[in-house]
Amino acid sequence: MPPTASAASPGNAEFLLRHAAPARIGLAGGNHPIDRTIRKAQRGLAADAAGSAWSHAFLIGERRSDGHWWVLESDLDLRHKQVRLGAQENRLAKFYDADEWPNLAVLDFGLDAGRTGRVLATALDLLADATRYSLREIIGTALSLARPGLRSRANLLAREGSLYCSAFVQHCYASAGIELAQGIGAKNATPHDLAATRVPHRAERLLRQPGGVA
């Protein structure tokens, strides 16, 4: 049973601001129906009937002149009047609501300045290129979860110019020579795969809901 947040645990904002730094990886487990579906789909990886603690992955960017930390991510954003599908930049405050995002983690790989710059530059290139969030690739990843022999292969439904959240993060780290989900096709990597990476790192977690925790 994973540890859970107690009444004395920090809120989401305090937790994220305490551990934010450029190019660190953020993981979130959400309560939206789409997030719950993604968490449940990873139950085989988590070895937990409740599924994984994680449904989304993102990169922490930089603190801007507005005083806010920003994140770089590929997401399916249906919460606003303008629908956004793909690479985008948002304030870290997007994840401050504990009811919406009960589970959080920040992974620190101890990147030097050169690798940090490379990871963030690659993410910004993906934004500039209007990289899409492909629901088709999500289905391809789901197929690989159902048939583990497919996990090491290319996503069966891969599309050019498309990356979903964890594939986006994996791609950016690969540009700095770091393979987060070793032995797994780049577009088959899930948020739980990133949480379970064997690459040496420090992980800080804030957990309020059950689910397999890597």
N, C-alpha and C. Protein backbone atom coordinates (compact mmCIF):
# COMPACT_ATOMS: atom_id res chain seq x y z
N MET A 1 0.85 -1.19 0.00
CA MET A 1 0.00 0.00 0.00
C MET A 1 0.89 1.24 0.00
N PRO A 2 0.73 2.17 -0.97
CA PRO A 2 1.59 3.33 -1.03
C PRO A 2 1.32 4.30 0.10
N PRO A 3 2.30 5.11 0.47
CA PRO A 3 2.05 6.12 1.48
C PRO A 3 1.06 7.14 0.99
N THR A 4 0.30 7.74 1.86
CA THR A 4 -0.67 8.75 1.48
C THR A 4 -0.37 10.04 2.20
N ALA A 5 -0.89 11.14 1.65
CA ALA A 5 -0.66 12.43 2.26
C ALA A 5 -1.46 12.55 3.54
N SER A 6 -0.85 13.06 4.59
CA SER A 6 -1.54 13.26 5.85
C SER A 6 -2.02 14.70 5.95
N ALA A 7 -2.72 14.98 7.04
CA ALA A 7 -3.23 16.34 7.22
C ALA A 7 -2.09 17.35 7.28
N ALA A 8 -0.89 16.89 7.68
CA ALA A 8 0.26 17.78 7.79
C ALA A 8 1.02 17.91 6.47
N SER A 9 0.63 17.15 5.45
CA SER A 9 1.33 17.20 4.17
C SER A 9 1.11 18.54 3.49
N PRO A 10 2.06 18.96 2.65
CA PRO A 10 1.91 20.24 1.97
C PRO A 10 0.78 20.20 0.94
N GLY A 11 0.25 21.36 0.60
CA GLY A 11 -0.69 21.44 -0.50
C GLY A 11 0.06 21.33 -1.81
N ASN A 12 -0.70 21.22 -2.90
CA ASN A 12 -0.06 21.05 -4.21
C ASN A 12 0.88 22.20 -4.54
N ALA A 13 0.44 23.44 -4.30
CA ALA A 13 1.27 24.59 -4.65
C ALA A 13 2.57 24.57 -3.86
N GLU A 14 2.48 24.36 -2.56
CA GLU A 14 3.68 24.32 -1.73
C GLU A 14 4.63 23.22 -2.18
N PHE A 15 4.08 22.04 -2.45
CA PHE A 15 4.91 20.90 -2.88
C PHE A 15 5.62 21.21 -4.18
N LEU A 16 4.89 21.68 -5.19
CA LEU A 16 5.48 21.91 -6.50
C LEU A 16 6.49 23.05 -6.47
N LEU A 17 6.17 24.12 -5.77
CA LEU A 17 7.10 25.25 -5.71
C LEU A 17 8.37 24.88 -4.95
N ARG A 18 8.25 23.99 -3.98
CA ARG A 18 9.42 23.55 -3.22
C ARG A 18 10.39 22.77 -4.10
N HIS A 19 9.87 21.99 -5.05
CA HIS A 19 10.72 21.09 -5.83
C HIS A 19 10.90 21.51 -7.29
N ALA A 20 10.31 22.61 -7.70
CA ALA A 20 10.42 23.04 -9.10
C ALA A 20 11.84 23.46 -9.43
N ALA A 21 12.29 23.05 -10.61
CA ALA A 21 13.57 23.48 -11.18
C ALA A 21 13.52 23.17 -12.67
N PRO A 22 14.24 23.94 -13.49
CA PRO A 22 14.18 23.74 -14.93
C PRO A 22 14.52 22.32 -15.36
N ALA A 23 13.68 21.77 -16.23
CA ALA A 23 13.84 20.45 -16.87
C ALA A 23 13.60 19.27 -15.94
N ARG A 24 13.18 19.51 -14.72
CA ARG A 24 12.73 18.38 -13.90
C ARG A 24 11.41 17.85 -14.47
N ILE A 25 11.14 16.59 -14.22
CA ILE A 25 9.92 15.97 -14.74
C ILE A 25 8.84 15.98 -13.68
N GLY A 26 7.65 16.40 -14.08
CA GLY A 26 6.50 16.35 -13.20
C GLY A 26 5.59 15.20 -13.60
N LEU A 27 5.03 14.52 -12.61
CA LEU A 27 4.02 13.49 -12.84
C LEU A 27 2.78 13.87 -12.05
N ALA A 28 1.62 13.59 -12.61
CA ALA A 28 0.37 13.91 -11.93
C ALA A 28 -0.62 12.77 -12.14
N GLY A 29 -1.40 12.52 -11.12
CA GLY A 29 -2.49 11.56 -11.21
C GLY A 29 -3.79 12.31 -10.99
N GLY A 30 -4.64 12.34 -12.03
CA GLY A 30 -5.83 13.18 -11.98
C GLY A 30 -7.11 12.42 -11.71
N ASN A 31 -8.15 13.22 -11.40
CA ASN A 31 -9.48 12.67 -11.12
C ASN A 31 -10.45 12.82 -12.28
N HIS A 32 -10.05 13.52 -13.34
CA HIS A 32 -10.92 13.64 -14.51
C HIS A 32 -11.14 12.24 -15.09
N PRO A 33 -12.32 11.97 -15.66
CA PRO A 33 -12.58 10.64 -16.22
C PRO A 33 -11.50 10.15 -17.18
N ILE A 34 -10.94 11.03 -17.99
CA ILE A 34 -9.88 10.63 -18.90
C ILE A 34 -8.65 10.18 -18.10
N ASP A 35 -8.31 10.93 -17.06
CA ASP A 35 -7.17 10.57 -16.23
C ASP A 35 -7.39 9.25 -15.52
N ARG A 36 -8.59 9.05 -15.02
CA ARG A 36 -8.88 7.78 -14.34
C ARG A 36 -8.77 6.60 -15.29
N THR A 37 -9.18 6.80 -16.54
CA THR A 37 -9.08 5.74 -17.55
C THR A 37 -7.61 5.41 -17.82
N ILE A 38 -6.78 6.46 -17.94
CA ILE A 38 -5.36 6.25 -18.19
C ILE A 38 -4.71 5.53 -17.01
N ARG A 39 -5.07 5.91 -15.80
CA ARG A 39 -4.49 5.26 -14.62
C ARG A 39 -4.89 3.78 -14.57
N LYS A 40 -6.14 3.51 -14.87
CA LYS A 40 -6.63 2.12 -14.84
C LYS A 40 -5.96 1.29 -15.92
N ALA A 41 -5.73 1.88 -17.09
CA ALA A 41 -5.12 1.14 -18.20
C ALA A 41 -3.70 0.67 -17.88
N GLN A 42 -3.06 1.32 -16.91
CA GLN A 42 -1.68 0.96 -16.55
C GLN A 42 -1.61 -0.01 -15.37
N ARG A 43 -2.74 -0.62 -15.02
CA ARG A 43 -2.76 -1.49 -13.83
C ARG A 43 -1.79 -2.66 -13.95
N GLY A 44 -1.56 -3.14 -15.18
CA GLY A 44 -0.61 -4.24 -15.35
C GLY A 44 0.82 -3.81 -15.03
N LEU A 45 1.16 -2.57 -15.39
CA LEU A 45 2.50 -2.06 -15.09
C LEU A 45 2.66 -1.80 -13.60
N ALA A 46 1.57 -1.36 -12.99
CA ALA A 46 1.63 -1.00 -11.58
C ALA A 46 1.48 -2.20 -10.66
N ALA A 47 1.05 -3.34 -11.22
CA ALA A 47 0.77 -4.53 -10.41
C ALA A 47 -0.20 -4.19 -9.29
N ASP A 48 -1.20 -3.39 -9.63
CA ASP A 48 -2.19 -2.93 -8.66
C ASP A 48 -3.53 -2.86 -9.36
N ALA A 49 -4.53 -3.52 -8.82
CA ALA A 49 -5.85 -3.54 -9.45
C ALA A 49 -6.44 -2.14 -9.56
N ALA A 50 -6.00 -1.24 -8.68
CA ALA A 50 -6.50 0.13 -8.72
C ALA A 50 -5.89 0.92 -9.86
N GLY A 51 -4.85 0.38 -10.48
CA GLY A 51 -4.17 1.08 -11.56
C GLY A 51 -2.96 1.83 -11.06
N SER A 52 -2.44 2.72 -11.89
CA SER A 52 -1.27 3.51 -11.55
C SER A 52 -1.67 4.77 -10.80
N ALA A 53 -0.74 5.32 -10.07
CA ALA A 53 -0.96 6.62 -9.43
C ALA A 53 -0.90 7.75 -10.45
N TRP A 54 -0.39 7.47 -11.67
CA TRP A 54 -0.03 8.54 -12.61
C TRP A 54 -0.84 8.51 -13.91
N SER A 55 -1.26 9.68 -14.36
CA SER A 55 -1.99 9.78 -15.62
C SER A 55 -1.39 10.81 -16.57
N HIS A 56 -0.45 11.62 -16.10
CA HIS A 56 0.08 12.70 -16.95
C HIS A 56 1.53 12.97 -16.58
N ALA A 57 2.31 13.37 -17.58
CA ALA A 57 3.71 13.73 -17.39
C ALA A 57 3.98 15.07 -18.07
N PHE A 58 4.87 15.86 -17.49
CA PHE A 58 5.19 17.17 -18.06
C PHE A 58 6.61 17.57 -17.66
N LEU A 59 7.12 18.60 -18.31
CA LEU A 59 8.42 19.16 -17.98
C LEU A 59 8.23 20.48 -17.26
N ILE A 60 8.97 20.67 -16.20
CA ILE A 60 8.98 21.98 -15.55
C ILE A 60 9.92 22.87 -16.35
N GLY A 61 9.43 24.04 -16.72
CA GLY A 61 10.23 24.95 -17.53
C GLY A 61 11.03 25.92 -16.68
N GLU A 62 10.66 27.18 -16.71
CA GLU A 62 11.41 28.20 -15.98
C GLU A 62 10.46 29.15 -15.28
N ARG A 63 10.98 29.88 -14.29
CA ARG A 63 10.21 30.96 -13.67
C ARG A 63 10.35 32.19 -14.56
N ARG A 64 9.23 32.71 -15.01
CA ARG A 64 9.23 33.82 -15.96
C ARG A 64 9.15 35.18 -15.26
N SER A 65 9.15 36.23 -16.06
CA SER A 65 9.09 37.59 -15.54
C SER A 65 7.77 37.89 -14.84
N ASP A 66 6.75 37.04 -15.08
CA ASP A 66 5.47 37.22 -14.39
C ASP A 66 5.50 36.63 -12.98
N GLY A 67 6.64 36.05 -12.60
CA GLY A 67 6.78 35.48 -11.27
C GLY A 67 6.30 34.04 -11.16
N HIS A 68 5.75 33.49 -12.24
CA HIS A 68 5.21 32.13 -12.22
C HIS A 68 6.18 31.13 -12.85
N TRP A 69 6.18 29.91 -12.30
CA TRP A 69 6.82 28.78 -12.99
C TRP A 69 5.89 28.32 -14.11
N TRP A 70 6.49 27.92 -15.24
CA TRP A 70 5.73 27.43 -16.38
C TRP A 70 6.13 25.98 -16.67
N VAL A 71 5.21 25.25 -17.28
CA VAL A 71 5.47 23.86 -17.66
C VAL A 71 5.32 23.71 -19.16
N LEU A 72 6.07 22.76 -19.71
CA LEU A 72 6.01 22.40 -21.12
C LEU A 72 5.45 20.99 -21.19
N GLU A 73 4.44 20.79 -22.03
CA GLU A 73 3.75 19.50 -22.03
C GLU A 73 2.99 19.29 -23.33
N SER A 74 2.58 18.05 -23.55
CA SER A 74 1.64 17.75 -24.62
C SER A 74 0.38 17.23 -23.95
N ASP A 75 -0.73 17.91 -24.20
CA ASP A 75 -1.93 17.58 -23.43
C ASP A 75 -3.17 17.71 -24.29
N LEU A 76 -4.21 17.08 -23.79
CA LEU A 76 -5.55 17.17 -24.37
C LEU A 76 -6.33 18.10 -23.45
N ASP A 77 -6.43 19.37 -23.81
CA ASP A 77 -7.01 20.38 -22.93
C ASP A 77 -8.42 20.73 -23.40
N LEU A 78 -9.40 20.21 -22.67
CA LEU A 78 -10.80 20.43 -23.02
C LEU A 78 -11.51 21.27 -21.99
N ARG A 79 -10.74 21.90 -21.10
CA ARG A 79 -11.37 22.61 -19.99
C ARG A 79 -11.71 24.05 -20.30
N HIS A 80 -11.27 24.54 -21.43
CA HIS A 80 -11.50 25.93 -21.78
C HIS A 80 -12.30 26.01 -23.09
N LYS A 81 -12.77 27.19 -23.39
CA LYS A 81 -13.56 27.36 -24.62
C LYS A 81 -12.73 27.03 -25.85
N GLN A 82 -11.45 27.31 -25.80
CA GLN A 82 -10.56 26.99 -26.92
C GLN A 82 -9.89 25.64 -26.66
N VAL A 83 -10.26 24.64 -27.44
CA VAL A 83 -9.69 23.30 -27.28
C VAL A 83 -8.25 23.30 -27.80
N ARG A 84 -7.34 22.71 -27.00
CA ARG A 84 -5.94 22.61 -27.40
C ARG A 84 -5.54 21.15 -27.35
N LEU A 85 -4.97 20.68 -28.46
CA LEU A 85 -4.54 19.29 -28.58
C LEU A 85 -3.08 19.26 -28.99
N GLY A 86 -2.19 19.05 -28.04
CA GLY A 86 -0.80 18.94 -28.41
C GLY A 86 0.13 19.72 -27.52
N ALA A 87 1.34 19.99 -28.05
CA ALA A 87 2.37 20.68 -27.29
C ALA A 87 1.89 22.06 -26.90
N GLN A 88 2.11 22.41 -25.64
CA GLN A 88 1.63 23.68 -25.12
C GLN A 88 2.43 24.07 -23.89
N GLU A 89 2.28 25.32 -23.50
CA GLU A 89 2.93 25.84 -22.31
C GLU A 89 1.85 26.38 -21.37
N ASN A 90 1.95 26.03 -20.11
CA ASN A 90 0.97 26.45 -19.11
C ASN A 90 1.69 26.80 -17.82
N ARG A 91 1.02 27.57 -16.98
CA ARG A 91 1.58 27.85 -15.66
C ARG A 91 1.54 26.58 -14.81
N LEU A 92 2.53 26.44 -13.96
CA LEU A 92 2.58 25.31 -13.03
C LEU A 92 1.32 25.29 -12.16
N ALA A 93 0.69 26.45 -12.00
CA ALA A 93 -0.53 26.56 -11.20
C ALA A 93 -1.66 25.68 -11.72
N LYS A 94 -1.54 25.21 -12.94
CA LYS A 94 -2.52 24.27 -13.49
C LYS A 94 -2.71 23.07 -12.58
N PHE A 95 -1.67 22.70 -11.84
CA PHE A 95 -1.70 21.49 -11.02
C PHE A 95 -1.88 21.77 -9.52
N TYR A 96 -2.30 22.98 -9.18
CA TYR A 96 -2.42 23.35 -7.77
C TYR A 96 -3.69 22.81 -7.11
N ASP A 97 -4.69 22.43 -7.88
CA ASP A 97 -5.96 21.97 -7.31
C ASP A 97 -5.82 20.51 -6.86
N ALA A 98 -5.85 20.30 -5.55
CA ALA A 98 -5.65 18.95 -5.00
C ALA A 98 -6.82 18.03 -5.30
N ASP A 99 -8.02 18.56 -5.47
CA ASP A 99 -9.16 17.72 -5.82
C ASP A 99 -9.02 17.20 -7.25
N GLU A 100 -8.52 18.04 -8.13
CA GLU A 100 -8.34 17.65 -9.53
C GLU A 100 -7.10 16.78 -9.73
N TRP A 101 -6.04 17.10 -8.96
CA TRP A 101 -4.76 16.39 -9.09
C TRP A 101 -4.31 15.90 -7.71
N PRO A 102 -4.85 14.79 -7.23
CA PRO A 102 -4.52 14.31 -5.89
C PRO A 102 -3.11 13.75 -5.75
N ASN A 103 -2.52 13.29 -6.84
CA ASN A 103 -1.18 12.68 -6.80
C ASN A 103 -0.19 13.50 -7.62
N LEU A 104 0.95 13.79 -7.04
CA LEU A 104 1.99 14.55 -7.74
C LEU A 104 3.36 13.95 -7.45
N ALA A 105 4.28 14.12 -8.39
CA ALA A 105 5.68 13.75 -8.16
C ALA A 105 6.56 14.68 -8.98
N VAL A 106 7.76 14.90 -8.49
CA VAL A 106 8.78 15.65 -9.23
C VAL A 106 10.04 14.79 -9.25
N LEU A 107 10.56 14.53 -10.44
CA LEU A 107 11.75 13.69 -10.61
C LEU A 107 12.94 14.57 -10.99
N ASP A 108 14.00 14.45 -10.21
CA ASP A 108 15.20 15.27 -10.41
C ASP A 108 16.35 14.35 -10.85
N PHE A 109 16.82 14.53 -12.08
CA PHE A 109 17.89 13.71 -12.64
C PHE A 109 19.26 14.38 -12.52
N GLY A 110 19.32 15.48 -11.81
CA GLY A 110 20.61 16.14 -11.58
C GLY A 110 21.28 16.61 -12.86
N LEU A 111 20.50 17.13 -13.80
CA LEU A 111 21.06 17.55 -15.08
C LEU A 111 21.98 18.76 -14.92
N ASP A 112 23.07 18.77 -15.68
CA ASP A 112 23.92 19.95 -15.69
C ASP A 112 23.29 21.00 -16.59
N ALA A 113 23.92 22.17 -16.66
CA ALA A 113 23.34 23.28 -17.42
C ALA A 113 23.17 22.94 -18.90
N GLY A 114 24.14 22.22 -19.47
CA GLY A 114 24.06 21.87 -20.88
C GLY A 114 22.88 20.97 -21.19
N ARG A 115 22.70 19.93 -20.40
CA ARG A 115 21.59 19.01 -20.63
C ARG A 115 20.24 19.67 -20.32
N THR A 116 20.21 20.49 -19.29
CA THR A 116 18.98 21.22 -18.97
C THR A 116 18.55 22.08 -20.15
N GLY A 117 19.51 22.81 -20.71
CA GLY A 117 19.21 23.66 -21.86
C GLY A 117 18.75 22.87 -23.06
N ARG A 118 19.36 21.70 -23.28
CA ARG A 118 18.99 20.88 -24.43
C ARG A 118 17.57 20.35 -24.29
N VAL A 119 17.22 19.87 -23.10
CA VAL A 119 15.87 19.34 -22.87
C VAL A 119 14.82 20.43 -23.11
N LEU A 120 15.05 21.62 -22.55
CA LEU A 120 14.06 22.69 -22.69
C LEU A 120 14.01 23.23 -24.11
N ALA A 121 15.16 23.30 -24.78
CA ALA A 121 15.17 23.77 -26.17
C ALA A 121 14.39 22.81 -27.07
N THR A 122 14.53 21.51 -26.84
CA THR A 122 13.80 20.53 -27.63
C THR A 122 12.30 20.68 -27.40
N ALA A 123 11.91 20.88 -26.15
CA ALA A 123 10.49 21.07 -25.85
C ALA A 123 9.94 22.31 -26.54
N LEU A 124 10.71 23.39 -26.55
CA LEU A 124 10.26 24.62 -27.20
C LEU A 124 10.17 24.44 -28.72
N ASP A 125 11.08 23.65 -29.29
CA ASP A 125 10.99 23.34 -30.72
C ASP A 125 9.69 22.60 -31.03
N LEU A 126 9.30 21.67 -30.16
CA LEU A 126 8.06 20.93 -30.36
C LEU A 126 6.85 21.86 -30.29
N LEU A 127 6.91 22.85 -29.40
CA LEU A 127 5.83 23.83 -29.33
C LEU A 127 5.78 24.65 -30.62
N ALA A 128 6.95 25.10 -31.06
CA ALA A 128 7.01 25.93 -32.26
C ALA A 128 6.52 25.17 -33.49
N ASP A 129 6.73 23.86 -33.50
CA ASP A 129 6.32 23.03 -34.63
C ASP A 129 4.86 22.58 -34.52
N ALA A 130 4.16 23.03 -33.48
CA ALA A 130 2.75 22.68 -33.28
C ALA A 130 2.55 21.16 -33.24
N THR A 131 3.42 20.48 -32.49
CA THR A 131 3.32 19.03 -32.34
C THR A 131 1.98 18.65 -31.75
N ARG A 132 1.31 17.68 -32.36
CA ARG A 132 -0.05 17.32 -31.97
C ARG A 132 -0.07 16.28 -30.85
N TYR A 133 -1.20 16.24 -30.15
CA TYR A 133 -1.50 15.16 -29.20
C TYR A 133 -2.37 14.18 -29.96
N SER A 134 -1.86 12.97 -30.16
CA SER A 134 -2.56 12.00 -31.01
C SER A 134 -3.33 10.97 -30.19
N LEU A 135 -4.65 11.02 -30.27
CA LEU A 135 -5.47 10.00 -29.62
C LEU A 135 -5.22 8.64 -30.27
N ARG A 136 -4.89 8.67 -31.55
CA ARG A 136 -4.58 7.43 -32.25
C ARG A 136 -3.37 6.74 -31.63
N GLU A 137 -2.34 7.50 -31.28
CA GLU A 137 -1.16 6.91 -30.65
C GLU A 137 -1.47 6.39 -29.25
N ILE A 138 -2.38 7.06 -28.55
CA ILE A 138 -2.81 6.56 -27.24
C ILE A 138 -3.42 5.17 -27.39
N ILE A 139 -4.22 4.98 -28.44
CA ILE A 139 -4.81 3.66 -28.70
C ILE A 139 -3.71 2.65 -29.00
N GLY A 140 -2.69 3.08 -29.77
CA GLY A 140 -1.57 2.20 -30.07
C GLY A 140 -0.82 1.78 -28.81
N THR A 141 -0.67 2.71 -27.89
CA THR A 141 -0.02 2.39 -26.61
C THR A 141 -0.87 1.43 -25.80
N ALA A 142 -2.19 1.64 -25.82
CA ALA A 142 -3.10 0.73 -25.11
C ALA A 142 -2.99 -0.69 -25.66
N LEU A 143 -2.82 -0.80 -26.97
CA LEU A 143 -2.64 -2.12 -27.58
C LEU A 143 -1.36 -2.78 -27.09
N SER A 144 -0.30 -1.97 -26.92
CA SER A 144 0.96 -2.53 -26.45
C SER A 144 0.86 -2.95 -24.98
N LEU A 145 0.02 -2.27 -24.21
CA LEU A 145 -0.17 -2.67 -22.81
C LEU A 145 -0.93 -4.00 -22.74
N ALA A 146 -1.84 -4.19 -23.68
CA ALA A 146 -2.60 -5.45 -23.71
C ALA A 146 -1.77 -6.61 -24.24
N ARG A 147 -0.78 -6.29 -25.07
CA ARG A 147 0.10 -7.31 -25.65
C ARG A 147 1.54 -6.90 -25.40
N PRO A 148 2.11 -7.25 -24.25
CA PRO A 148 3.44 -6.78 -23.85
C PRO A 148 4.54 -7.00 -24.87
N GLY A 149 4.39 -7.97 -25.75
CA GLY A 149 5.39 -8.19 -26.78
C GLY A 149 5.54 -7.02 -27.72
N LEU A 150 4.53 -6.14 -27.75
CA LEU A 150 4.57 -4.97 -28.63
C LEU A 150 5.25 -3.77 -28.00
N ARG A 151 5.52 -3.84 -26.71
CA ARG A 151 6.00 -2.65 -26.00
C ARG A 151 7.35 -2.16 -26.50
N SER A 152 8.21 -3.07 -26.89
CA SER A 152 9.54 -2.67 -27.35
C SER A 152 9.55 -2.21 -28.80
N ARG A 153 8.45 -2.39 -29.49
CA ARG A 153 8.36 -2.03 -30.90
C ARG A 153 7.83 -0.62 -31.06
N ALA A 154 7.89 -0.11 -32.29
CA ALA A 154 7.30 1.19 -32.58
C ALA A 154 5.79 1.13 -32.37
N ASN A 155 5.22 2.22 -31.92
CA ASN A 155 3.78 2.31 -31.75
C ASN A 155 3.09 1.95 -33.06
N LEU A 156 2.15 1.00 -33.00
CA LEU A 156 1.49 0.52 -34.22
C LEU A 156 0.71 1.61 -34.93
N LEU A 157 0.30 2.64 -34.19
CA LEU A 157 -0.52 3.70 -34.78
C LEU A 157 0.21 5.05 -34.76
N ALA A 158 1.54 5.01 -34.82
CA ALA A 158 2.34 6.23 -34.76
C ALA A 158 2.04 7.16 -35.92
N ARG A 159 2.10 8.45 -35.63
CA ARG A 159 1.91 9.50 -36.64
C ARG A 159 3.07 10.47 -36.57
N GLU A 160 3.44 11.01 -37.71
CA GLU A 160 4.48 12.04 -37.74
C GLU A 160 3.95 13.31 -37.06
N GLY A 161 4.83 13.98 -36.36
CA GLY A 161 4.45 15.26 -35.75
C GLY A 161 3.50 15.13 -34.59
N SER A 162 3.48 13.96 -33.92
CA SER A 162 2.56 13.74 -32.80
C SER A 162 3.31 13.12 -31.62
N LEU A 163 2.99 13.60 -30.43
CA LEU A 163 3.53 13.05 -29.19
C LEU A 163 2.52 13.28 -28.08
N TYR A 164 2.15 12.22 -27.37
CA TYR A 164 1.32 12.44 -26.18
C TYR A 164 2.24 12.73 -25.00
N CYS A 165 1.68 12.92 -23.82
CA CYS A 165 2.43 13.54 -22.71
C CYS A 165 3.75 12.86 -22.36
N SER A 166 3.71 11.57 -22.04
CA SER A 166 4.94 10.89 -21.60
C SER A 166 5.91 10.68 -22.75
N ALA A 167 5.40 10.51 -23.97
CA ALA A 167 6.27 10.41 -25.14
C ALA A 167 6.97 11.74 -25.39
N PHE A 168 6.27 12.84 -25.15
CA PHE A 168 6.83 14.19 -25.26
C PHE A 168 8.02 14.33 -24.31
N VAL A 169 7.83 13.95 -23.06
CA VAL A 169 8.90 14.05 -22.06
C VAL A 169 10.06 13.14 -22.43
N GLN A 170 9.75 11.91 -22.83
CA GLN A 170 10.81 10.97 -23.21
C GLN A 170 11.61 11.50 -24.38
N HIS A 171 10.94 12.07 -25.38
CA HIS A 171 11.61 12.61 -26.56
C HIS A 171 12.58 13.74 -26.16
N CYS A 172 12.13 14.62 -25.28
CA CYS A 172 12.97 15.75 -24.87
C CYS A 172 14.20 15.27 -24.11
N TYR A 173 14.05 14.30 -23.24
CA TYR A 173 15.20 13.77 -22.51
C TYR A 173 16.13 12.99 -23.44
N ALA A 174 15.57 12.30 -24.41
CA ALA A 174 16.41 11.57 -25.37
C ALA A 174 17.33 12.52 -26.13
N SER A 175 16.87 13.74 -26.35
CA SER A 175 17.69 14.72 -27.06
C SER A 175 18.95 15.07 -26.26
N ALA A 176 18.90 14.83 -24.94
CA ALA A 176 20.06 15.07 -24.07
C ALA A 176 20.80 13.76 -23.76
N GLY A 177 20.46 12.69 -24.50
CA GLY A 177 21.15 11.43 -24.36
C GLY A 177 20.67 10.57 -23.20
N ILE A 178 19.46 10.82 -22.72
CA ILE A 178 18.92 10.06 -21.59
C ILE A 178 17.68 9.30 -22.03
N GLU A 179 17.73 7.98 -21.98
CA GLU A 179 16.59 7.14 -22.33
C GLU A 179 15.87 6.76 -21.05
N LEU A 180 14.73 7.35 -20.83
CA LEU A 180 14.01 7.16 -19.57
C LEU A 180 13.35 5.79 -19.48
N ALA A 181 12.69 5.38 -20.55
CA ALA A 181 11.97 4.10 -20.55
C ALA A 181 12.74 3.11 -21.41
N GLN A 182 13.78 2.55 -20.85
CA GLN A 182 14.68 1.69 -21.60
C GLN A 182 13.97 0.40 -22.02
N GLY A 183 14.17 0.03 -23.30
CA GLY A 183 13.57 -1.19 -23.82
C GLY A 183 12.12 -1.04 -24.23
N ILE A 184 11.59 0.18 -24.19
CA ILE A 184 10.20 0.43 -24.55
C ILE A 184 10.18 1.40 -25.73
N GLY A 185 9.35 1.12 -26.72
CA GLY A 185 9.24 2.01 -27.86
C GLY A 185 8.97 3.44 -27.42
N ALA A 186 9.62 4.41 -28.06
CA ALA A 186 9.52 5.80 -27.63
C ALA A 186 8.09 6.29 -27.51
N LYS A 187 7.21 5.81 -28.41
CA LYS A 187 5.82 6.24 -28.38
C LYS A 187 4.90 5.22 -27.73
N ASN A 188 5.50 4.32 -26.94
CA ASN A 188 4.71 3.41 -26.11
C ASN A 188 4.92 3.68 -24.63
N ALA A 189 5.74 4.68 -24.30
CA ALA A 189 6.04 4.99 -22.90
C ALA A 189 4.84 5.63 -22.22
N THR A 190 4.56 5.21 -21.00
CA THR A 190 3.45 5.73 -20.22
C THR A 190 3.98 6.57 -19.05
N PRO A 191 3.11 7.35 -18.40
CA PRO A 191 3.55 8.05 -17.20
C PRO A 191 4.12 7.11 -16.15
N HIS A 192 3.55 5.92 -16.01
CA HIS A 192 4.07 4.98 -15.02
C HIS A 192 5.47 4.50 -15.40
N ASP A 193 5.74 4.34 -16.69
CA ASP A 193 7.09 3.96 -17.14
C ASP A 193 8.11 5.01 -16.71
N LEU A 194 7.75 6.29 -16.82
CA LEU A 194 8.68 7.34 -16.41
C LEU A 194 8.89 7.30 -14.90
N ALA A 195 7.82 7.04 -14.16
CA ALA A 195 7.95 6.93 -12.70
C ALA A 195 8.85 5.77 -12.31
N ALA A 196 8.85 4.72 -13.13
CA ALA A 196 9.62 3.51 -12.82
C ALA A 196 10.99 3.49 -13.49
N THR A 197 11.43 4.60 -14.07
CA THR A 197 12.69 4.64 -14.78
C THR A 197 13.84 4.14 -13.92
N ARG A 198 14.78 3.45 -14.57
CA ARG A 198 15.97 2.96 -13.88
C ARG A 198 17.12 3.96 -13.93
N VAL A 199 16.91 5.08 -14.62
CA VAL A 199 17.94 6.12 -14.65
C VAL A 199 18.04 6.74 -13.25
N PRO A 200 19.23 6.84 -12.70
CA PRO A 200 19.37 7.38 -11.34
C PRO A 200 18.74 8.77 -11.21
N HIS A 201 17.97 8.96 -10.16
CA HIS A 201 17.29 10.22 -9.94
C HIS A 201 16.78 10.28 -8.51
N ARG A 202 16.30 11.44 -8.14
CA ARG A 202 15.63 11.62 -6.85
C ARG A 202 14.16 11.91 -7.13
N ALA A 203 13.27 11.22 -6.44
CA ALA A 203 11.83 11.40 -6.64
C ALA A 203 11.19 11.94 -5.37
N GLU A 204 10.42 13.02 -5.52
CA GLU A 204 9.61 13.56 -4.43
C GLU A 204 8.15 13.29 -4.80
N ARG A 205 7.36 12.75 -3.85
CA ARG A 205 5.99 12.36 -4.16
C ARG A 205 5.01 12.93 -3.14
N LEU A 206 3.83 13.28 -3.63
CA LEU A 206 2.71 13.69 -2.79
C LEU A 206 1.52 12.84 -3.24
N LEU A 207 1.13 11.87 -2.42
CA LEU A 207 0.14 10.87 -2.82
C LEU A 207 -1.07 10.91 -1.89
N ARG A 208 -2.25 10.99 -2.51
CA ARG A 208 -3.48 11.00 -1.73
C ARG A 208 -4.44 9.88 -2.13
N GLN A 209 -4.17 9.25 -3.27
CA GLN A 209 -5.06 8.18 -3.75
C GLN A 209 -4.26 6.89 -3.97
N PRO A 210 -4.90 5.73 -3.80
CA PRO A 210 -4.20 4.48 -4.03
C PRO A 210 -3.86 4.29 -5.50
N GLY A 211 -2.91 3.44 -5.72
CA GLY A 211 -2.47 3.13 -7.08
C GLY A 211 -1.03 2.69 -7.00
N GLY A 212 -0.61 1.83 -7.93
CA GLY A 212 0.76 1.36 -7.90
C GLY A 212 1.72 2.52 -8.02
N VAL A 213 2.74 2.55 -7.18
CA VAL A 213 3.72 3.62 -7.19
C VAL A 213 5.08 3.03 -7.48
N ALA A 214 5.73 3.51 -8.53
CA ALA A 214 7.05 2.99 -8.88
C ALA A 214 8.10 3.54 -7.92
